Amino acid sequence: MTDHAETVARVTATPAALALLADIQAEHGPVIFHQSGGCCDGSSPMCYPVGDFRTGDSDILLGTVGGAPVYIGRAQGEAWAHTQLILDVVPGRGGMFSLDNGREVRFLTRGRVFSAAERAALSR
C-alpha cells in the first residue's frame, strides 16, 4: 500500500503556473498566494509580495508551490477539503491587486477530487 500522505499534496502547480510564478518572483521577490473566496471570481488565487497580505486564524496553509506559500480561507478550505487545488495559467487579466495583473495571463485554480485512500491518508 502506498503512503498517499507522502505523495499527495493539497496544492500543486502546472509547469505554466510555475514559470509565471518564477517571473513574478524574479521581479518582486518572495510572494504568497491566497485563494480568493470573493463574490467575483472564486477560482482566482491572488498573488501578493510577502508582507502585503496578512493571514489570520481564519486562513489555512495548504502547502507551497515554487517556494510560495498557498493559503485559503478556513470556510472555503473546509468546503474544498476533498479536492486537490492545482494552480494553472490561462489568458486574461489577474485580480486588481494580484501580481499577475497586467501580464495578459493570470493564475487560475483547478481542482481534482482526492480518492478515498488519499483522503484517509491526508486526515491522519
Protein backbone atom coordinates (compact mmCIF):
# COMPACT_ATOMS: atom_id res chain seq x y z
CA MET A 1 0.00 0.00 0.00
CA THR A 2 1.33 3.44 -0.94
CA ASP A 3 1.59 6.13 1.71
CA HIS A 4 -0.52 8.82 0.00
CA ALA A 5 0.25 11.42 2.67
CA GLU A 6 3.83 11.43 1.36
CA THR A 7 2.87 11.60 -2.33
CA VAL A 8 -0.27 13.75 -2.46
CA ALA A 9 -0.18 17.47 -1.84
CA ARG A 10 -3.22 19.63 -1.08
CA VAL A 11 -1.96 22.15 -3.66
CA THR A 12 0.19 21.75 -6.78
CA ALA A 13 1.00 23.84 -9.84
CA THR A 14 1.30 23.23 -13.56
CA PRO A 15 4.57 23.97 -15.36
CA ALA A 16 2.94 27.11 -16.84
CA ALA A 17 1.99 28.34 -13.36
CA LEU A 18 5.49 27.65 -12.03
CA ALA A 19 7.00 29.59 -14.97
CA LEU A 20 4.73 32.61 -14.36
CA LEU A 21 5.46 32.41 -10.64
CA ALA A 22 9.22 32.39 -11.33
CA ASP A 23 8.86 35.52 -13.50
CA ILE A 24 6.88 37.27 -10.75
CA GLN A 25 9.36 36.23 -8.06
CA ALA A 26 12.27 37.50 -10.19
CA GLU A 27 10.56 40.88 -10.39
CA HIS A 28 9.03 41.14 -6.90
CA GLY A 29 10.91 38.73 -4.65
CA PRO A 30 9.14 36.25 -2.35
CA VAL A 31 5.37 36.02 -2.78
CA ILE A 32 2.35 34.47 -1.12
CA PHE A 33 -0.89 33.13 -2.64
CA HIS A 34 -4.32 33.41 -1.10
CA GLN A 35 -7.20 31.55 -2.72
CA SER A 36 -9.92 34.07 -3.42
CA GLY A 37 -13.24 33.38 -1.78
CA GLY A 38 -14.85 36.57 -3.01
CA CYS A 39 -18.02 37.02 -4.96
CA CYS A 40 -16.46 37.84 -8.32
CA ASP A 41 -14.08 35.02 -9.24
CA GLY A 42 -13.61 32.31 -6.64
CA SER A 43 -11.23 30.38 -8.88
CA SER A 44 -8.64 33.17 -8.93
CA PRO A 45 -5.79 32.81 -6.48
CA MET A 46 -4.36 36.19 -5.53
CA CYS A 47 -0.58 36.60 -5.58
CA TYR A 48 0.98 39.21 -3.27
CA PRO A 49 4.50 40.17 -2.21
CA VAL A 50 5.30 38.64 1.17
CA GLY A 51 4.16 41.12 3.81
CA ASP A 52 1.45 42.75 1.67
CA PHE A 53 -1.27 40.27 2.70
CA ARG A 54 -1.75 39.35 6.32
CA THR A 55 -3.07 35.89 7.08
CA GLY A 56 -5.01 35.22 10.24
CA ASP A 57 -6.63 32.50 12.30
CA SER A 58 -9.28 32.07 9.61
CA ASP A 59 -6.70 31.08 6.96
CA ILE A 60 -5.31 27.60 6.29
CA LEU A 61 -1.86 26.93 4.82
CA LEU A 62 -2.42 24.35 2.07
CA GLY A 63 1.25 23.98 1.16
CA THR A 64 3.78 25.64 -1.11
CA VAL A 65 4.30 25.84 -4.85
CA GLY A 66 7.53 27.13 -6.32
CA GLY A 67 8.59 28.21 -2.83
CA ALA A 68 5.45 30.33 -2.33
CA PRO A 69 3.03 29.50 0.48
CA VAL A 70 -0.59 28.99 -0.59
CA TYR A 71 -3.38 29.89 1.85
CA ILE A 72 -7.15 29.55 1.70
CA GLY A 73 -9.88 30.88 3.98
CA ARG A 74 -10.96 28.28 6.55
CA ALA A 75 -14.60 28.02 5.40
CA GLN A 76 -13.62 27.62 1.76
CA GLY A 77 -10.80 25.24 2.69
CA GLU A 78 -13.21 23.04 4.63
CA ALA A 79 -15.65 23.04 1.71
CA TRP A 80 -12.84 22.01 -0.67
CA ALA A 81 -11.13 19.58 1.73
CA HIS A 82 -11.90 16.68 -0.62
CA THR A 83 -10.13 18.45 -3.52
CA GLN A 84 -6.53 18.96 -4.53
CA LEU A 85 -6.08 22.52 -5.78
CA ILE A 86 -3.98 22.92 -8.93
CA LEU A 87 -2.65 26.37 -9.82
CA ASP A 88 -2.69 26.89 -13.58
CA VAL A 89 -2.39 29.80 -16.03
CA VAL A 90 -5.00 31.00 -18.54
CA PRO A 91 -5.25 34.05 -20.82
CA GLY A 92 -6.74 37.12 -19.17
CA ARG A 93 -6.09 39.70 -16.50
CA GLY A 94 -5.32 38.91 -12.89
CA GLY A 95 -7.07 40.42 -9.90
CA MET A 96 -6.63 44.15 -9.42
CA PHE A 97 -4.19 43.72 -6.51
CA SER A 98 -2.64 40.42 -7.65
CA LEU A 99 0.88 40.42 -9.12
CA ASP A 100 -0.30 38.51 -12.21
CA ASN A 101 -2.39 41.54 -13.28
CA GLY A 102 -1.27 43.27 -16.48
CA ARG A 103 0.58 40.27 -17.91
CA GLU A 104 -2.18 39.11 -20.31
CA VAL A 105 -2.23 35.78 -18.43
CA ARG A 106 -3.48 35.04 -14.95
CA PHE A 107 -3.43 32.30 -12.36
CA LEU A 108 -6.49 30.05 -12.15
CA THR A 109 -7.24 27.33 -9.62
CA ARG A 110 -8.45 23.99 -10.89
CA GLY A 111 -9.47 21.06 -8.74
CA ARG A 112 -9.07 17.31 -8.62
CA VAL A 113 -11.12 15.24 -6.19
CA PHE A 114 -8.97 13.13 -3.88
CA SER A 115 -9.53 9.37 -3.94
CA ALA A 116 -10.87 7.75 -0.77
CA ALA A 117 -7.37 6.43 0.03
CA GLU A 118 -5.85 9.89 -0.43
CA ARG A 119 -8.48 11.50 1.83
CA ALA A 120 -7.86 8.89 4.51
CA ALA A 121 -4.10 9.41 4.33
CA LEU A 122 -4.44 13.20 4.49
CA SER A 123 -6.66 13.04 7.56
CA ARG A 124 -4.02 11.17 9.59
